[in-house]
Amino acid sequence: MIAAALPIAGTVTAQVPPSVDDVAAYTGLHAAALRGDAAEIGRLLRAGAAPNVRDRRGRTPLHVATHARRHDAIRALARGGADLGALDADRYDALTIAAVADDEPTLALLLALGASAKLVTSRYDGTALIAAAHLGHDGVVRRLIAAGAPLDHVNNLHWTAVIEAIVLGDGGPRHQATLQALLDAGASTQLADRDGRTPLQLARDRGHAAMVRQLEAAGAR
């Protein structure tokens, strides 16, 4: 089953999973990836199918398998030479797709297969970590940190993962856990937004009292 697209940093249509029309048009590797048919994927690859073939929105079979959470298909594609860092038309890689979906098992599999948590992805020049922090996917955030995701990457909105957790979060338990994971890992509390507002100022502005306490305990000013 394909998960619904989730907004990232101010856009309504950031990630676009395969539509009904896309699915109806799929053949070959895309169709096999959607079904999770690892045996068919292996057969097609041995017959010369290109592992990184694209659909109309630039999705490879790996992107489709990730949206559909088809682990056997992901493994088969990786064995067959799929590019784990390929970006779709909206500049999302498979790892960021899993991060946005809060899909820790698929994220863990992709990391184990060699996917990088360091890629710059999306039209916002962000990372999987920034996307997960925005959404308060604290478990995903911890996995990405452990995988070496850049803690202080600044996207083209001039936001870090810490800032996105505050500015785009609801201040609730999962965003608090996200912020704490970032702080415990050593993420900067001083990098400011485009207007010079620090994470502490932003948390105060939004009335996120628990986050203010977390930041102050981490030495933020």
Protein backbone atom coordinates (compact mmCIF):
# COMPACT_ATOMS: atom_id res chain seq x y z
CA MET A 1 0.00 0.00 0.00
CA ILE A 2 1.33 3.43 -0.96
CA ALA A 3 1.49 6.01 1.83
CA ALA A 4 0.08 9.48 1.23
CA ALA A 5 2.49 12.27 0.42
CA LEU A 6 3.50 14.47 3.34
CA PRO A 7 4.38 18.17 3.15
CA ILE A 8 7.93 19.30 3.65
CA ALA A 9 8.89 22.84 4.62
CA GLY A 10 6.09 24.87 3.16
CA THR A 11 5.05 22.83 0.15
CA VAL A 12 1.82 20.91 -0.31
CA THR A 13 3.15 18.39 -2.83
CA ALA A 14 6.69 17.69 -1.67
CA GLN A 15 6.82 13.93 -1.96
CA VAL A 16 4.55 12.40 -4.55
CA PRO A 17 4.03 8.65 -4.24
CA PRO A 18 2.82 6.78 -7.31
CA SER A 19 -0.71 7.77 -8.25
CA VAL A 20 -3.46 5.42 -9.37
CA ASP A 21 -2.63 6.34 -12.97
CA ASP A 22 1.08 5.70 -12.40
CA VAL A 23 0.37 2.30 -10.91
CA ALA A 24 -1.91 1.37 -13.81
CA ALA A 25 0.84 2.26 -16.28
CA TYR A 26 3.64 0.39 -14.53
CA THR A 27 5.29 -2.52 -16.28
CA GLY A 28 8.56 -4.35 -15.83
CA LEU A 29 10.67 -3.40 -12.84
CA HIS A 30 8.31 -0.68 -11.61
CA ALA A 31 5.40 -3.13 -11.50
CA ALA A 32 7.49 -5.82 -9.83
CA ALA A 33 8.83 -3.33 -7.27
CA LEU A 34 5.33 -2.20 -6.40
CA ARG A 35 4.23 -5.82 -5.86
CA GLY A 36 7.39 -6.70 -3.97
CA ASP A 37 8.14 -9.48 -6.44
CA ALA A 38 11.84 -10.09 -5.85
CA ALA A 39 11.95 -13.14 -8.11
CA GLU A 40 10.58 -11.15 -11.05
CA ILE A 41 12.99 -8.31 -10.33
CA GLY A 42 15.88 -10.77 -10.45
CA ARG A 43 14.61 -12.28 -13.71
CA LEU A 44 14.19 -8.87 -15.34
CA LEU A 45 17.63 -7.70 -14.28
CA ARG A 46 19.29 -10.87 -15.55
CA ALA A 47 17.49 -10.30 -18.86
CA GLY A 48 19.07 -6.85 -19.14
CA ALA A 49 16.50 -4.50 -17.60
CA ALA A 50 18.00 -1.17 -16.51
CA PRO A 51 17.83 -1.05 -12.68
CA ASN A 52 17.46 2.74 -12.59
CA VAL A 53 14.73 3.16 -15.21
CA ARG A 54 12.49 6.17 -14.48
CA ASP A 55 8.73 6.71 -14.48
CA ARG A 56 7.11 9.98 -15.52
CA ARG A 57 8.04 11.63 -12.20
CA GLY A 58 11.58 10.37 -12.19
CA ARG A 59 10.96 7.54 -9.75
CA THR A 60 13.19 4.50 -10.08
CA PRO A 61 11.93 1.05 -9.09
CA LEU A 62 13.78 1.56 -5.78
CA HIS A 63 11.73 4.69 -5.06
CA VAL A 64 8.55 2.76 -5.80
CA ALA A 65 9.57 -0.18 -3.60
CA THR A 66 10.40 2.25 -0.79
CA HIS A 67 7.05 4.02 -1.03
CA ALA A 68 5.37 0.59 -0.96
CA ARG A 69 7.59 -0.73 1.88
CA ARG A 70 8.59 -3.78 -0.14
CA HIS A 71 11.76 -4.97 1.56
CA ASP A 72 12.41 -8.02 -0.60
CA ALA A 73 12.15 -5.82 -3.68
CA ILE A 74 14.53 -3.27 -2.18
CA ARG A 75 17.10 -5.99 -1.50
CA ALA A 76 16.74 -7.45 -4.98
CA LEU A 77 17.12 -4.06 -6.62
CA ALA A 78 20.17 -3.22 -4.52
CA ARG A 79 21.78 -6.54 -5.49
CA GLY A 80 21.01 -5.75 -9.10
CA GLY A 81 22.78 -2.40 -9.16
CA ALA A 82 20.06 0.07 -8.19
CA ASP A 83 21.43 3.51 -7.31
CA LEU A 84 20.60 3.92 -3.61
CA GLY A 85 21.16 7.67 -3.87
CA ALA A 86 19.08 8.31 -6.99
CA LEU A 87 16.85 11.40 -6.76
CA ASP A 88 13.35 11.55 -8.22
CA ALA A 89 11.96 14.58 -10.05
CA ASP A 90 11.36 16.35 -6.73
CA ARG A 91 14.92 15.47 -5.62
CA TYR A 92 14.01 12.88 -3.01
CA ASP A 93 16.11 9.77 -2.51
CA ALA A 94 14.80 6.51 -1.08
CA LEU A 95 16.19 7.29 2.39
CA THR A 96 14.34 10.60 2.60
CA ILE A 97 11.16 8.92 1.35
CA ALA A 98 11.39 6.43 4.23
CA ALA A 99 12.24 9.21 6.70
CA VAL A 100 9.19 11.26 5.75
CA ALA A 101 6.98 8.18 6.01
CA ASP A 102 8.27 7.52 9.56
CA ASP A 103 9.20 4.09 8.26
CA GLU A 104 12.05 2.97 10.50
CA PRO A 105 12.28 -0.62 9.22
CA THR A 106 12.71 0.49 5.61
CA LEU A 107 15.10 3.25 6.66
CA ALA A 108 17.20 0.72 8.60
CA LEU A 109 17.27 -1.63 5.61
CA LEU A 110 18.37 1.11 3.22
CA LEU A 111 21.13 2.18 5.60
CA ALA A 112 22.29 -1.42 5.98
CA LEU A 113 22.45 -1.73 2.20
CA GLY A 114 24.68 1.35 1.99
CA ALA A 115 22.35 4.31 1.47
CA SER A 116 23.90 7.58 2.65
CA ALA A 117 22.35 9.81 5.30
CA LYS A 118 24.54 12.68 4.07
CA LEU A 119 22.87 13.46 0.75
CA VAL A 120 21.39 16.87 -0.01
CA THR A 121 17.82 16.24 -1.09
CA SER A 122 14.58 18.05 -1.97
CA ARG A 123 13.97 21.38 -3.65
CA TYR A 124 14.93 22.97 -0.32
CA ASP A 125 18.49 21.59 -0.44
CA GLY A 126 17.79 19.78 2.81
CA THR A 127 18.56 16.32 4.16
CA ALA A 128 16.63 13.30 5.36
CA LEU A 129 17.43 14.46 8.91
CA ILE A 130 15.87 17.89 8.37
CA ALA A 131 12.78 16.28 6.86
CA ALA A 132 12.40 13.89 9.80
CA ALA A 133 13.01 16.66 12.36
CA HIS A 134 10.32 18.80 10.75
CA LEU A 135 7.80 15.99 11.22
CA GLY A 136 8.90 14.96 14.71
CA HIS A 137 9.92 11.46 13.65
CA ASP A 138 12.19 11.04 16.63
CA GLY A 139 13.09 7.39 16.04
CA VAL A 140 14.06 8.14 12.46
CA VAL A 141 16.07 11.12 13.65
CA ARG A 142 18.04 8.95 16.06
CA ARG A 143 18.78 6.40 13.33
CA LEU A 144 19.93 9.08 10.93
CA ILE A 145 22.16 10.67 13.54
CA ALA A 146 23.74 7.27 14.22
CA ALA A 147 24.30 6.91 10.47
CA GLY A 148 26.30 10.14 10.32
CA ALA A 149 23.69 12.57 9.05
CA PRO A 150 25.05 16.16 9.07
CA LEU A 151 23.65 17.73 12.24
CA ASP A 152 24.02 21.36 11.25
CA HIS A 153 23.25 21.35 7.54
CA VAL A 154 21.50 24.60 6.58
CA ASN A 155 18.87 24.33 3.83
CA ASN A 156 17.95 27.08 1.39
CA LEU A 157 15.32 28.39 3.81
CA HIS A 158 18.26 28.97 6.17
CA TRP A 159 16.95 26.36 8.62
CA THR A 160 18.76 23.50 10.36
CA ALA A 161 17.16 20.33 11.71
CA VAL A 162 16.99 21.99 15.15
CA ILE A 163 15.20 25.02 13.73
CA GLU A 164 12.77 22.91 11.69
CA ALA A 165 11.85 20.85 14.76
CA ILE A 166 10.93 24.11 16.49
CA VAL A 167 9.47 26.21 13.70
CA LEU A 168 7.51 23.49 11.91
CA GLY A 169 6.83 21.26 14.91
CA ASP A 170 3.89 21.34 17.29
CA GLY A 171 6.02 21.52 20.44
CA GLY A 172 4.62 18.17 21.56
CA PRO A 173 6.33 15.03 22.87
CA ARG A 174 7.69 13.73 19.58
CA HIS A 175 9.14 17.08 18.53
CA GLN A 176 10.61 17.44 22.02
CA ALA A 177 12.19 13.99 21.68
CA THR A 178 13.48 14.99 18.26
CA LEU A 179 15.04 18.17 19.62
CA GLN A 180 16.61 16.28 22.52
CA ALA A 181 18.15 13.72 20.18
CA LEU A 182 19.70 16.53 18.15
CA LEU A 183 20.96 18.35 21.24
CA ASP A 184 22.40 15.17 22.74
CA ALA A 185 24.27 14.55 19.48
CA GLY A 186 25.82 18.02 19.61
CA ALA A 187 23.70 19.96 17.11
CA SER A 188 24.29 23.70 17.26
CA THR A 189 21.97 25.85 19.34
CA GLN A 190 23.49 29.04 17.95
CA LEU A 191 22.94 28.77 14.20
CA ALA A 192 20.21 31.30 13.49
CA ASP A 193 17.55 31.67 10.81
CA ARG A 194 17.71 34.19 7.98
CA ASP A 195 16.46 36.93 10.33
CA GLY A 196 19.08 36.19 12.96
CA ARG A 197 16.72 34.42 15.38
CA THR A 198 18.32 31.61 17.35
CA PRO A 199 16.54 28.34 18.17
CA LEU A 200 15.91 29.61 21.71
CA GLN A 201 14.30 32.79 20.43
CA LEU A 202 12.18 30.82 17.98
CA ALA A 203 11.00 28.43 20.69
CA ARG A 204 10.08 31.36 22.93
CA ASP A 205 8.26 33.10 20.07
CA ARG A 206 6.14 29.98 19.49
CA GLY A 207 5.37 29.38 23.15
CA HIS A 208 7.10 25.98 23.15
CA ALA A 209 7.93 26.10 26.86
CA ALA A 210 9.30 22.56 27.08
CA MET A 211 11.62 23.20 24.14
CA VAL A 212 12.79 26.44 25.75
CA ARG A 213 13.79 24.44 28.84
CA GLN A 214 15.57 21.85 26.71
CA LEU A 215 17.53 24.51 24.87
CA GLU A 216 18.44 26.39 28.03
CA ALA A 217 19.66 23.15 29.63
CA ALA A 218 21.87 22.68 26.57
CA GLY A 219 23.38 26.12 27.03
CA ALA A 220 21.43 27.93 24.32
CA ARG A 221 21.19 31.70 24.42
